[in-house]
C-alpha atoms as a PDB file:
ATOM      1  CA  UNK A   1      29.991  -9.131  -5.275  1.00  0.00           C
ATOM      2  CA  UNK A   2      27.845 -10.915  -3.011  1.00  0.00           C
ATOM      3  CA  UNK A   3      26.846 -14.086  -4.234  1.00  0.00           C
ATOM      4  CA  UNK A   4      24.226 -14.840  -1.401  1.00  0.00           C
ATOM      5  CA  UNK A   5      22.416 -12.397  -2.405  1.00  0.00           C
ATOM      6  CA  UNK A   6      19.131 -12.465  -4.252  1.00  0.00           C
ATOM      7  CA  UNK A   7      18.700 -11.613  -7.390  1.00  0.00           C
ATOM      8  CA  UNK A   8      16.741  -9.040  -7.956  1.00  0.00           C
ATOM      9  CA  UNK A   9      12.656  -9.843  -9.226  1.00  0.00           C
ATOM     10  CA  UNK A  10      12.102  -7.761 -12.713  1.00  0.00           C
ATOM     11  CA  UNK A  11       8.498  -7.184 -13.310  1.00  0.00           C
ATOM     12  CA  UNK A  12       7.044  -8.971 -16.547  1.00  0.00           C
ATOM     13  CA  UNK A  13       6.399  -7.291 -19.898  1.00  0.00           C
ATOM     14  CA  UNK A  14       2.162  -7.487 -18.928  1.00  0.00           C
ATOM     15  CA  UNK A  15       2.798  -5.544 -15.635  1.00  0.00           C
ATOM     16  CA  UNK A  16       5.953  -3.091 -17.060  1.00  0.00           C
ATOM     17  CA  UNK A  17       2.750  -2.396 -20.686  1.00  0.00           C
ATOM     18  CA  UNK A  18       0.244  -1.614 -17.487  1.00  0.00           C
ATOM     19  CA  UNK A  19       2.998   0.408 -15.441  1.00  0.00           C
ATOM     20  CA  UNK A  20       3.375   2.625 -18.370  1.00  0.00           C
ATOM     21  CA  UNK A  21       0.755   2.714 -19.937  1.00  0.00           C
ATOM     22  CA  UNK A  22      -0.260   4.284 -16.280  1.00  0.00           C
ATOM     23  CA  UNK A  23       1.646   7.227 -17.034  1.00  0.00           C
ATOM     24  CA  UNK A  24       1.881   7.950 -19.830  1.00  0.00           C
ATOM     25  CA  UNK A  25      -2.527   7.772 -19.556  1.00  0.00           C
ATOM     26  CA  UNK A  26      -2.061  10.331 -17.232  1.00  0.00           C
ATOM     27  CA  UNK A  27       0.056  13.039 -18.661  1.00  0.00           C
ATOM     28  CA  UNK A  28      -0.566  12.939 -21.771  1.00  0.00           C
ATOM     29  CA  UNK A  29      -3.876  11.360 -22.191  1.00  0.00           C
ATOM     30  CA  UNK A  30      -5.040   8.301 -23.703  1.00  0.00           C
ATOM     31  CA  UNK A  31      -5.723   9.888 -27.153  1.00  0.00           C
ATOM     32  CA  UNK A  32      -2.279  11.495 -26.674  1.00  0.00           C
ATOM     33  CA  UNK A  33      -0.066   8.135 -26.116  1.00  0.00           C
ATOM     34  CA  UNK A  34       0.255   5.539 -28.233  1.00  0.00           C
ATOM     35  CA  UNK A  35       0.096   2.299 -28.678  1.00  0.00           C
ATOM     36  CA  UNK A  36       3.583   2.147 -29.964  1.00  0.00           C
ATOM     37  CA  UNK A  37       5.303   4.814 -27.433  1.00  0.00           C
ATOM     38  CA  UNK A  38       3.820   2.951 -24.173  1.00  0.00           C
ATOM     39  CA  UNK A  39       5.560  -0.404 -26.051  1.00  0.00           C
ATOM     40  CA  UNK A  40       8.997   1.651 -26.313  1.00  0.00           C
ATOM     41  CA  UNK A  41       9.153   2.745 -22.990  1.00  0.00           C
ATOM     42  CA  UNK A  42       7.937   0.219 -21.477  1.00  0.00           C
ATOM     43  CA  UNK A  43      10.813  -1.174 -22.797  1.00  0.00           C
ATOM     44  CA  UNK A  44       9.013  -4.313 -24.920  1.00  0.00           C
ATOM     45  CA  UNK A  45       8.616  -4.500 -28.780  1.00  0.00           C
ATOM     46  CA  UNK A  46       4.660  -3.249 -30.144  1.00  0.00           C
ATOM     47  CA  UNK A  47       3.802  -7.091 -31.351  1.00  0.00           C
ATOM     48  CA  UNK A  48       4.716  -8.202 -27.265  1.00  0.00           C
ATOM     49  CA  UNK A  49       2.030  -5.716 -26.822  1.00  0.00           C
ATOM     50  CA  UNK A  50      -0.560  -6.422 -28.546  1.00  0.00           C
ATOM     51  CA  UNK A  51      -0.082 -10.354 -27.142  1.00  0.00           C
ATOM     52  CA  UNK A  52      -1.034  -9.133 -24.056  1.00  0.00           C
ATOM     53  CA  UNK A  53      -3.486  -6.542 -25.300  1.00  0.00           C
ATOM     54  CA  UNK A  54      -5.817  -6.390 -28.292  1.00  0.00           C
ATOM     55  CA  UNK A  55      -6.221  -2.783 -28.030  1.00  0.00           C
ATOM     56  CA  UNK A  56      -5.891   0.246 -26.716  1.00  0.00           C
ATOM     57  CA  UNK A  57      -9.336  -0.184 -25.561  1.00  0.00           C
ATOM     58  CA  UNK A  58      -8.699  -3.335 -24.161  1.00  0.00           C
ATOM     59  CA  UNK A  59      -5.156  -2.488 -22.507  1.00  0.00           C
ATOM     60  CA  UNK A  60      -7.159   1.011 -21.343  1.00  0.00           C
ATOM     61  CA  UNK A  61      -9.643  -1.972 -19.822  1.00  0.00           C
ATOM     62  CA  UNK A  62      -7.294  -3.986 -18.049  1.00  0.00           C
ATOM     63  CA  UNK A  63      -6.231  -1.386 -15.970  1.00  0.00           C
ATOM     64  CA  UNK A  64      -8.308  -0.153 -14.869  1.00  0.00           C
ATOM     65  CA  UNK A  65      -9.597  -3.386 -13.654  1.00  0.00           C
ATOM     66  CA  UNK A  66      -5.600  -4.178 -11.915  1.00  0.00           C
ATOM     67  CA  UNK A  67      -5.152  -0.958 -10.505  1.00  0.00           C
ATOM     68  CA  UNK A  68      -9.283  -0.921  -8.818  1.00  0.00           C
ATOM     69  CA  UNK A  69      -8.781  -4.796  -8.053  1.00  0.00           C
ATOM     70  CA  UNK A  70      -5.480  -3.201  -6.075  1.00  0.00           C
ATOM     71  CA  UNK A  71      -8.447  -0.822  -4.315  1.00  0.00           C
ATOM     72  CA  UNK A  72     -10.647  -3.154  -3.596  1.00  0.00           C
ATOM     73  CA  UNK A  73      -7.744  -5.215  -1.601  1.00  0.00           C
ATOM     74  CA  UNK A  74      -5.977  -2.311   0.141  1.00  0.00           C
ATOM     75  CA  UNK A  75      -9.621  -1.701   1.643  1.00  0.00           C
ATOM     76  CA  UNK A  76     -10.983  -4.659   2.272  1.00  0.00           C
ATOM     77  CA  UNK A  77      -8.013  -5.768   4.470  1.00  0.00           C
ATOM     78  CA  UNK A  78      -8.577  -3.080   6.180  1.00  0.00           C
ATOM     79  CA  UNK A  79     -12.418  -3.998   7.075  1.00  0.00           C
ATOM     80  CA  UNK A  80     -11.355  -7.867   8.170  1.00  0.00           C
ATOM     81  CA  UNK A  81      -8.102  -7.297  10.322  1.00  0.00           C
ATOM     82  CA  UNK A  82     -10.706  -4.865  12.286  1.00  0.00           C
ATOM     83  CA  UNK A  83     -13.378  -7.586  12.610  1.00  0.00           C
ATOM     84  CA  UNK A  84     -10.178 -10.705  13.318  1.00  0.00           C
ATOM     85  CA  UNK A  85      -9.019  -7.982  16.768  1.00  0.00           C
ATOM     86  CA  UNK A  86     -11.936  -7.811  17.435  1.00  0.00           C
ATOM     87  CA  UNK A  87     -12.138 -12.061  18.375  1.00  0.00           C
ATOM     88  CA  UNK A  88     -14.696 -12.477  20.656  1.00  0.00           C
ATOM     89  CA  UNK A  89     -16.104  -8.894  20.998  1.00  0.00           C
ATOM     90  CA  UNK A  90     -19.079  -7.260  19.394  1.00  0.00           C
ATOM     91  CA  UNK A  91     -19.139  -6.404  16.315  1.00  0.00           C
ATOM     92  CA  UNK A  92     -18.381  -2.910  14.738  1.00  0.00           C
ATOM     93  CA  UNK A  93     -21.353  -0.594  13.789  1.00  0.00           C
ATOM     94  CA  UNK A  94     -22.434  -0.647  10.545  1.00  0.00           C
ATOM     95  CA  UNK A  95     -20.949   3.130  10.109  1.00  0.00           C
ATOM     96  CA  UNK A  96     -17.862   2.282  11.975  1.00  0.00           C
ATOM     97  CA  UNK A  97     -17.132  -0.220   8.724  1.00  0.00           C
ATOM     98  CA  UNK A  98     -18.624   2.404   6.824  1.00  0.00           C
ATOM     99  CA  UNK A  99     -15.688   4.766   8.319  1.00  0.00           C
ATOM    100  CA  UNK A 100     -12.919   2.210   8.135  1.00  0.00           C
ATOM    101  CA  UNK A 101     -13.773   1.775   4.307  1.00  0.00           C
ATOM    102  CA  UNK A 102     -13.403   5.188   3.860  1.00  0.00           C
ATOM    103  CA  UNK A 103     -10.535   6.344   6.289  1.00  0.00           C
ATOM    104  CA  UNK A 104      -8.436   3.410   4.273  1.00  0.00           C
ATOM    105  CA  UNK A 105      -9.790   4.857   1.001  1.00  0.00           C
ATOM    106  CA  UNK A 106      -8.238   8.071   1.504  1.00  0.00           C
ATOM    107  CA  UNK A 107      -4.901   6.992   2.954  1.00  0.00           C
ATOM    108  CA  UNK A 108      -4.362   4.766  -0.723  1.00  0.00           C
ATOM    109  CA  UNK A 109      -5.093   7.848  -2.944  1.00  0.00           C
ATOM    110  CA  UNK A 110      -2.333   9.694  -1.307  1.00  0.00           C
ATOM    111  CA  UNK A 111      -0.032   6.897  -0.852  1.00  0.00           C
ATOM    112  CA  UNK A 112      -1.205   6.336  -4.657  1.00  0.00           C
ATOM    113  CA  UNK A 113      -0.918   9.513  -6.057  1.00  0.00           C
ATOM    114  CA  UNK A 114      -0.840   8.346 -10.121  1.00  0.00           C
ATOM    115  CA  UNK A 115      -3.522   5.649  -9.772  1.00  0.00           C
ATOM    116  CA  UNK A 116      -5.836   8.215  -8.148  1.00  0.00           C
ATOM    117  CA  UNK A 117      -5.602  11.053 -10.949  1.00  0.00           C
ATOM    118  CA  UNK A 118      -6.074   8.335 -13.224  1.00  0.00           C
ATOM    119  CA  UNK A 119      -9.601   6.868 -11.890  1.00  0.00           C
ATOM    120  CA  UNK A 120     -10.161  11.094 -11.974  1.00  0.00           C
ATOM    121  CA  UNK A 121      -9.682  10.850 -14.787  1.00  0.00           C
ATOM    122  CA  UNK A 122     -11.554   7.943 -16.532  1.00  0.00           C
ATOM    123  CA  UNK A 123     -13.154   6.917 -13.734  1.00  0.00           C
ATOM    124  CA  UNK A 124     -16.795   8.383 -16.283  1.00  0.00           C
ATOM    125  CA  UNK A 125     -14.697   8.309 -19.796  1.00  0.00           C
ATOM    126  CA  UNK A 126     -15.773   6.861 -22.018  1.00  0.00           C
ATOM    127  CA  UNK A 127     -13.308   5.269 -23.276  1.00  0.00           C
ATOM    128  CA  UNK A 128     -14.317   3.393 -20.254  1.00  0.00           C
ATOM    129  CA  UNK A 129     -16.432   1.105 -20.914  1.00  0.00           C
ATOM    130  CA  UNK A 130     -19.415   0.638 -19.099  1.00  0.00           C
ATOM    131  CA  UNK A 131     -19.805  -3.728 -19.139  1.00  0.00           C
ATOM    132  CA  UNK A 132     -16.731  -2.870 -17.572  1.00  0.00           C
ATOM    133  CA  UNK A 133     -17.232  -0.229 -15.198  1.00  0.00           C
ATOM    134  CA  UNK A 134     -19.982  -2.000 -13.881  1.00  0.00           C
ATOM    135  CA  UNK A 135     -17.765  -5.097 -13.700  1.00  0.00           C
ATOM    136  CA  UNK A 136     -15.879  -3.472 -11.170  1.00  0.00           C
ATOM    137  CA  UNK A 137     -18.685  -1.601  -9.195  1.00  0.00           C
ATOM    138  CA  UNK A 138     -20.389  -5.241  -8.715  1.00  0.00           C
ATOM    139  CA  UNK A 139     -18.496  -7.813  -8.186  1.00  0.00           C
ATOM    140  CA  UNK A 140     -14.651  -6.101  -7.445  1.00  0.00           C
ATOM    141  CA  UNK A 141     -16.044  -4.248  -5.146  1.00  0.00           C
ATOM    142  CA  UNK A 142     -19.488  -6.139  -4.402  1.00  0.00           C
ATOM    143  CA  UNK A 143     -18.657  -5.572  -0.599  1.00  0.00           C
ATOM    144  CA  UNK A 144     -19.951  -2.506  -0.472  1.00  0.00           C
ATOM    145  CA  UNK A 145     -23.189  -3.092  -2.174  1.00  0.00           C
ATOM    146  CA  UNK A 146     -23.244  -6.510   0.936  1.00  0.00           C
ATOM    147  CA  UNK A 147     -22.500  -3.506   2.922  1.00  0.00           C
ATOM    148  CA  UNK A 148     -26.088  -0.771   1.884  1.00  0.00           C
ATOM    149  CA  UNK A 149     -27.748  -3.921   1.383  1.00  0.00           C
ATOM    150  CA  UNK A 150     -27.243  -4.849   5.325  1.00  0.00           C
ATOM    151  CA  UNK A 151     -27.886  -1.624   6.129  1.00  0.00           C
ATOM    152  CA  UNK A 152     -31.463  -1.754   4.659  1.00  0.00           C
ATOM    153  CA  UNK A 153     -31.937  -4.060   6.176  1.00  0.00           C
ATOM    154  CA  UNK A 154     -31.708  -2.893   9.432  1.00  0.00           C
ATOM    155  CA  UNK A 155     -32.361   0.485   9.035  1.00  0.00           C
ATOM    156  CA  UNK A 156     -29.657   2.820   8.736  1.00  0.00           C
ATOM    157  CA  UNK A 157     -29.412   2.719   5.386  1.00  0.00           C
ATOM    158  CA  UNK A 158     -32.004   5.555   3.241  1.00  0.00           C
ATOM    159  CA  UNK A 159     -34.487   2.833   1.039  1.00  0.00           C
ATOM    160  CA  UNK A 160     -33.350   3.559  -2.759  1.00  0.00           C
ATOM    161  CA  UNK A 161     -31.715   1.689  -5.601  1.00  0.00           C
ATOM    162  CA  UNK A 162     -28.426  -0.509  -4.746  1.00  0.00           C
ATOM    163  CA  UNK A 163     -27.777   0.443  -7.914  1.00  0.00           C
ATOM    164  CA  UNK A 164     -27.871   3.810  -7.555  1.00  0.00           C
ATOM    165  CA  UNK A 165     -26.045   4.659  -4.168  1.00  0.00           C
ATOM    166  CA  UNK A 166     -23.289   2.212  -5.405  1.00  0.00           C
ATOM    167  CA  UNK A 167     -22.370   5.716  -8.175  1.00  0.00           C
ATOM    168  CA  UNK A 168     -23.615   8.321  -5.638  1.00  0.00           C
ATOM    169  CA  UNK A 169     -20.754   6.564  -3.275  1.00  0.00           C
ATOM    170  CA  UNK A 170     -18.161   6.580  -5.967  1.00  0.00           C
ATOM    171  CA  UNK A 171     -19.031   9.849  -6.716  1.00  0.00           C
ATOM    172  CA  UNK A 172     -19.027  11.545  -2.665  1.00  0.00           C
ATOM    173  CA  UNK A 173     -15.036   9.210  -3.491  1.00  0.00           C
ATOM    174  CA  UNK A 174     -14.387  11.319  -6.309  1.00  0.00           C
ATOM    175  CA  UNK A 175     -14.792  14.764  -5.348  1.00  0.00           C
ATOM    176  CA  UNK A 176     -12.981  14.096  -1.870  1.00  0.00           C
ATOM    177  CA  UNK A 177     -10.163  12.778  -3.458  1.00  0.00           C
ATOM    178  CA  UNK A 178      -9.641  15.548  -6.620  1.00  0.00           C
ATOM    179  CA  UNK A 179     -10.158  18.047  -2.724  1.00  0.00           C
ATOM    180  CA  UNK A 180      -7.852  16.502  -0.855  1.00  0.00           C
ATOM    181  CA  UNK A 181      -4.982  15.975  -4.255  1.00  0.00           C
ATOM    182  CA  UNK A 182      -6.114  19.272  -5.675  1.00  0.00           C
ATOM    183  CA  UNK A 183      -4.661  20.351  -1.855  1.00  0.00           C
ATOM    184  CA  UNK A 184      -2.412  17.972  -0.746  1.00  0.00           C
ATOM    185  CA  UNK A 185      -1.894  19.386   2.831  1.00  0.00           C
ATOM    186  CA  UNK A 186      -4.979  18.618   4.105  1.00  0.00           C
ATOM    187  CA  UNK A 187      -5.136  15.381   3.213  1.00  0.00           C
ATOM    188  CA  UNK A 188      -3.832  14.487   6.653  1.00  0.00           C
ATOM    189  CA  UNK A 189      -6.406  16.980   8.821  1.00  0.00           C
ATOM    190  CA  UNK A 190      -8.198  15.137  10.947  1.00  0.00           C
ATOM    191  CA  UNK A 191     -10.776  17.543  10.845  1.00  0.00           C
ATOM    192  CA  UNK A 192     -11.404  17.755   7.090  1.00  0.00           C
ATOM    193  CA  UNK A 193     -11.292  14.066   6.570  1.00  0.00           C
ATOM    194  CA  UNK A 194     -13.997  13.397   9.022  1.00  0.00           C
ATOM    195  CA  UNK A 195     -15.685  16.295   7.422  1.00  0.00           C
ATOM    196  CA  UNK A 196     -15.225  14.335   3.975  1.00  0.00           C
ATOM    197  CA  UNK A 197     -17.004  11.253   6.063  1.00  0.00           C
ATOM    198  CA  UNK A 198     -19.780  12.946   7.342  1.00  0.00           C
ATOM    199  CA  UNK A 199     -20.637  14.055   4.295  1.00  0.00           C
ATOM    200  CA  UNK A 200     -20.561  10.617   2.590  1.00  0.00           C
ATOM    201  CA  UNK A 201     -22.569   9.674   5.366  1.00  0.00           C
ATOM    202  CA  UNK A 202     -25.174  12.278   5.062  1.00  0.00           C
ATOM    203  CA  UNK A 203     -25.679  10.997   1.842  1.00  0.00           C
ATOM    204  CA  UNK A 204     -27.265   7.738   2.148  1.00  0.00           C
ATOM    205  CA  UNK A 205     -27.878   6.950   6.272  1.00  0.00           C
ATOM    206  CA  UNK A 206     -31.300   6.222   6.446  1.00  0.00           C
END
């Protein structure tokens, strides 16, 4: 045994519960997954689950927000990397920025199929509270709202209500990802990916 090897890190009980809930909510549905089953498969006591999450509904909401936060951080990082790489060069156009975000979002979905399936199933589900959906849309993904507002100010984006446009953007993304989920061989096809972005862009441009 190598005494110098680093100790293995184990996920926290909270993270284990979230990961197990994700798998079960996707494979069995929200109502088909009991808190007892989630706790058992996560390797924790049922009381431990309720220590972290007051109810199954709270667990669902927290799971959605945690995945949405991960998603937002990943696609925003792509945009920041391009901006930093540009240095003193002229900043990319709004359409180019939107394309960067869109491409990274598609990549994230392909790399995280279970999490993306969760979004497809539950993004508009009554099991998810309206307050949680709005927090995800307007706070966690607030930079998208900022880009839309910027685009409206400079005439690149259609002058529709931002809240409605955010829902449209989300719907366009989910539709594209649903297609690529059903046809995984096309997820890396440059023509289909370019078409998915153009359909999205045409729905919001001025």
